[in-house]
Structure formats: structure tokens, C-alpha cells
Protein backbone atom coordinates (compact mmCIF):
# COMPACT_ATOMS: atom_id res chain seq x y z
CA MET A 1 150.88 51.48 228.24
CA ARG A 2 151.78 54.57 225.99
CA GLY A 3 155.28 54.13 226.74
CA TYR A 4 155.33 50.73 226.13
CA ASN A 5 154.27 51.16 222.61
CA LEU A 6 156.62 54.08 222.16
CA ALA A 7 159.39 51.99 223.12
CA MET A 8 158.02 49.18 220.95
CA ASN A 9 157.78 51.30 217.89
CA ALA A 10 161.06 52.90 218.40
CA MET A 11 162.56 49.40 218.19
CA ASP A 12 161.14 48.33 215.03
CA PRO A 13 163.63 48.81 211.89
CA THR A 14 163.61 52.28 210.89
CA THR A 15 165.42 54.92 209.14
CA CYS A 16 167.44 57.20 211.57
CA VAL A 17 166.41 60.71 211.87
CA ASN A 18 169.80 61.93 212.12
CA CYS A 19 172.45 59.93 209.90
CA GLY A 20 169.56 58.43 207.67
CA THR A 21 170.82 54.94 208.13
CA TYR A 22 168.41 52.17 208.01
CA VAL A 23 168.74 50.50 211.29
CA ILE A 24 166.88 48.56 214.25
CA PRO A 25 167.08 51.28 217.20
CA MET A 26 168.73 49.80 220.20
CA ALA A 27 166.68 49.43 223.71
CA ASP A 28 167.15 53.26 224.58
CA GLY A 29 165.88 53.93 221.02
CA SER A 30 169.28 55.14 220.04
CA CYS A 31 170.69 54.90 216.45
CA PRO A 32 173.67 51.85 216.59
CA ALA A 33 175.34 54.11 213.90
CA CYS A 34 175.36 57.69 215.13
CA GLN A 35 174.28 57.00 218.91
CA ARG A 36 171.39 59.68 218.83
CA PRO A 37 167.87 59.02 218.90
CA ALA A 38 166.98 57.12 215.74
CA ASN A 39 163.23 57.79 215.85
CA ALA A 40 161.20 61.16 216.02
CA ALA A 41 158.88 59.86 218.34
CA VAL A 42 161.56 59.01 221.05
CA ALA A 43 163.91 62.06 220.21
CA PRO A 44 163.99 64.63 222.99
CA ALA A 45 162.52 67.74 222.40
CA GLY A 46 164.64 70.08 219.94
CA ALA A 47 166.91 67.27 218.71
CA SER A 48 165.30 66.96 215.43
CA ASP A 49 165.63 70.75 214.73
CA GLY A 50 169.21 70.58 216.14
CA SER A 51 170.35 67.71 213.57
CA GLN A 52 168.48 69.80 210.74
CA LEU A 53 170.66 72.81 211.61
CA GLU A 54 173.70 70.52 212.00
CA SER A 55 172.83 68.95 208.44
CA GLN A 56 172.34 72.27 207.02
CA ALA A 57 175.82 73.65 208.26
CA SER A 58 177.52 70.78 206.86
CA LYS A 59 175.70 71.15 203.72
CA SER A 60 176.80 74.71 203.45
CA ALA A 61 180.46 73.97 204.15
CA ARG A 62 180.50 71.22 201.55
CA GLN A 63 179.14 73.72 199.18
CA ALA A 64 181.55 76.23 199.97
CA LEU A 65 184.57 73.73 199.75
CA LEU A 66 182.97 72.82 196.27
CA GLU A 67 182.31 76.20 195.02
CA PRO A 68 184.74 77.42 192.02
CA GLU A 69 187.62 78.91 193.20
CA SER A 70 187.36 81.37 189.71
CA SER A 71 184.08 82.82 191.22
CA SER A 72 185.92 84.19 194.30
CA HIS A 73 188.51 85.41 192.16
CA ALA A 74 186.39 87.39 189.88
CA ALA A 75 184.35 88.52 192.99
CA HIS A 76 187.85 90.23 194.17
CA ARG A 77 189.49 91.08 191.04
CA PRO A 78 190.24 94.67 190.61
CA LYS A 79 188.88 96.64 187.56
CA GLY A 80 192.47 97.89 187.09
CA LEU A 81 193.31 94.55 186.35
CA VAL A 82 190.59 94.09 183.77
CA VAL A 83 191.44 97.27 182.22
CA LEU A 84 195.02 96.39 182.04
CA ALA A 85 194.19 92.72 180.45
CA VAL A 86 191.96 94.78 177.61
CA LEU A 87 194.68 97.05 176.73
CA GLN A 88 197.01 94.20 176.31
CA PHE A 89 194.78 92.13 174.17
CA VAL A 90 194.21 95.18 172.09
CA PHE A 91 198.26 95.78 171.94
CA ALA A 92 198.51 92.13 171.03
CA ALA A 93 196.13 92.04 168.06
CA ALA A 94 198.07 95.35 166.82
CA SER A 95 201.53 93.51 167.28
CA LEU A 96 200.45 90.38 165.37
CA LEU A 97 199.01 92.75 162.65
CA SER A 98 202.21 94.80 162.35
CA LEU A 99 204.21 91.35 162.21
CA PHE A 100 202.00 90.18 159.28
CA MET A 101 202.17 93.63 157.43
CA ALA A 102 206.12 93.64 158.10
CA ILE A 103 206.50 90.43 156.38
CA GLY A 104 204.08 90.54 153.85
CA SER A 105 203.97 94.33 152.81
CA PRO A 106 206.69 95.86 150.64
CA THR A 107 205.26 99.03 151.57
CA MET A 108 205.52 98.67 155.10
CA GLN A 109 208.96 97.29 154.84
CA ALA A 110 209.91 100.48 152.68
CA GLU A 111 208.42 102.48 155.64
CA MET A 112 210.43 100.56 158.28
CA GLN A 113 213.61 101.06 156.39
CA ARG A 114 212.96 104.58 156.39
CA GLN A 115 212.62 104.99 160.10
CA GLY A 116 215.84 102.79 160.32
CA VAL A 117 214.36 99.43 161.33
CA THR A 118 215.39 96.37 159.22
CA MET A 119 213.30 93.33 159.08
CA ASP A 120 215.81 91.15 160.18
CA ALA A 121 215.48 88.02 162.50
CA TYR A 122 215.81 90.51 165.82
CA THR A 123 212.62 92.53 164.54
CA ILE A 124 210.77 89.35 163.75
CA LEU A 125 211.34 87.76 167.28
CA SER A 126 210.77 91.05 168.96
CA LEU A 127 207.40 91.36 167.58
CA LEU A 128 206.49 87.74 168.33
CA GLY A 129 207.97 87.84 171.67
CA THR A 130 206.09 91.05 172.38
CA PHE A 131 202.65 89.36 171.13
CA LEU A 132 203.27 86.19 173.21
CA LEU A 133 203.82 88.07 176.52
CA LEU A 134 200.95 90.57 175.83
CA ILE A 135 198.61 87.29 175.81
CA ALA A 136 199.91 85.50 178.63
CA SER A 137 200.15 88.46 180.70
CA GLY A 138 196.77 89.70 180.13
CA ALA A 139 195.17 86.11 180.77
CA GLY A 140 197.56 86.25 184.14
CA TYR A 141 196.00 89.58 185.19
CA LEU A 142 192.26 87.99 184.59
CA SER A 143 193.27 84.67 186.75
CA GLN A 144 195.34 86.63 188.96
CA ASN A 145 198.10 84.26 188.27
CA ARG A 146 201.68 85.45 189.93
CA ILE A 147 203.59 83.84 187.20
CA LEU A 148 201.76 84.83 184.10
CA GLY A 149 200.22 88.11 185.43
CA TYR A 150 202.78 89.43 187.64
CA TRP A 151 206.10 88.20 186.47
CA GLY A 152 205.13 87.75 182.82
CA GLY A 153 203.79 91.46 183.02
CA ASN A 154 206.96 92.79 184.55
CA LEU A 155 209.08 90.77 182.04
CA LEU A 156 206.95 92.37 179.32
CA ALA A 157 207.51 95.99 180.63
CA ILE A 158 211.21 95.34 181.10
CA GLY A 159 211.36 93.98 177.42
CA LEU A 160 209.57 96.72 175.75
CA ILE A 161 211.78 99.40 177.47
CA ALA A 162 215.08 97.49 176.66
CA ASN A 163 213.93 97.10 173.06
CA ILE A 164 213.40 100.64 172.68
CA MET A 165 216.72 101.45 174.45
CA ILE A 166 218.61 98.87 172.08
CA HIS A 167 217.14 100.42 168.90
CA ASN A 168 218.03 103.69 169.72
CA PHE A 169 221.26 102.91 170.97
CA GLN A 170 221.86 101.40 167.33
CA GLU A 171 220.91 104.82 166.44
CA HIS A 172 223.16 106.69 168.59
CA PHE A 173 219.65 107.84 170.01
CA ALA A 174 219.49 110.33 166.98
CA ARG A 175 215.70 109.79 167.04
CA PHE A 176 215.45 109.06 170.88
CA SER A 177 212.62 111.77 171.21
CA ARG A 178 209.94 109.93 169.04
CA HIS A 179 210.19 107.02 171.20
CA ILE A 180 209.52 108.70 174.38
CA PRO A 181 205.72 108.08 174.24
CA SER A 182 206.39 104.58 173.66
CA LEU A 183 208.08 104.45 176.96
CA PHE A 184 205.00 105.47 178.77
CA TYR A 185 203.05 102.20 179.01
CA PRO A 186 205.95 99.94 179.96
CA ILE A 187 206.87 102.34 182.78
CA VAL A 188 203.15 102.68 184.20
CA LEU A 189 202.71 98.99 183.70
CA LEU A 190 206.02 98.32 186.27
CA PHE A 191 204.72 100.91 188.64
CA VAL A 192 201.03 99.44 188.96
CA LEU A 193 202.18 95.76 189.04
CA ASN A 194 205.05 96.48 191.84
CA VAL A 195 203.03 99.08 194.00
CA HIS A 196 199.34 99.08 193.30
CA PHE A 197 198.64 95.28 192.02
CA ARG A 198 201.37 93.32 193.92
CA LYS A 199 199.45 91.72 196.49
CA GLU A 200 196.47 90.89 194.23
CA PHE A 201 198.59 87.82 192.36
CA ARG A 202 198.58 84.35 194.19
């Protein structure tokens, strides 16, 4: 009699404990949608627990897929790249300030002329290009973007070295010793990007 009651209850419209579909169970009590026991009363021992574990596992998998990629990047971002980004943002601010002073300050222009630097189109474009590359590559270090970070940083370093060498070539390297310290950062940048952090960019 008890088995008859269970069977009749199992055939009443109900919500499947496995897939959540509102169905009329089949004769054996299984869900027409997922083919598993629709009612906890007729489900084999441990079936409900197994379905809950499966549901939790699928939910965890969906959360992992939907989790923002930026959080995983931040977790694996080397501190050295953060230091490089901060340095370049500081250098970018100094470069932009130098550009404004060179354009609007007669005192600055006189000092530049005294050092053999003329305020021509090349100088303005050089300062502006340096500023843009500093910002772009700094942002690339933080996002670990291969184009902005790796290639942008290499282009910045090569451009800084080339700019120093072109300026000294025009002066026949008469004041080259003054510019040796300026070569330190681009050379170190080339080294760390291509040796230490090369595999950190995607």
C-alpha cells in the first residue's frame, strides 16, 4: 500500500529536484526532461546529494568563466611591471611639463639654446612622442598587453636612445658625457622587457 501511494505521488505534477522543470513524472517516477528521478521521495539514496554536488560544480564553473579576466591579471602581475608603470607615468608628467615650459617660457628656451637644443619641430615632436609612448607603454605594463606594454616599451627605449644619439651626432659628440646618465633607463628597460618580463605579456 505504501509503495502504491509513493508511486501515485510520484506521478503528480511536480518540480524536478534535478533539473527544476515542472513536469508530470513518468511511470517509474523519472523526469521526462532529464530522465532522472523527479521526486526526492522516489529518488535513490544519494541521488539528491549527487545532483546538488553536480549543480554546485556547474555553478562554480560558470562563475570561473564569467569572472573578470582583469582580476586574474592583477593576481599574476609582477611588482616590477607596476614599478615600471609608475616610473613612466612620472616621466610622462615631466615630459609634458618640459614641453609646456619649452613652448611658453622664454627662460627655458634660452637655457635650451645655451645647451645647443633648438625649439624646432623635431624637438616638439620628440617630446610629444615620448609623452605618448610613456603613457601607452605604462598602461600596457599594468594590463600586460603585448602590443602596448612589450612593443610599446621597446619602441620607447629605442626611441630614447636614438634621440640621444642623434642629438649628440649633431654636436659631434662634444657633450656626450653629459648624456650618458640619460641612457641608463632605456638600456635597463630594454633588458628587463626582453629578458625578465618577456613572457608576462599576452
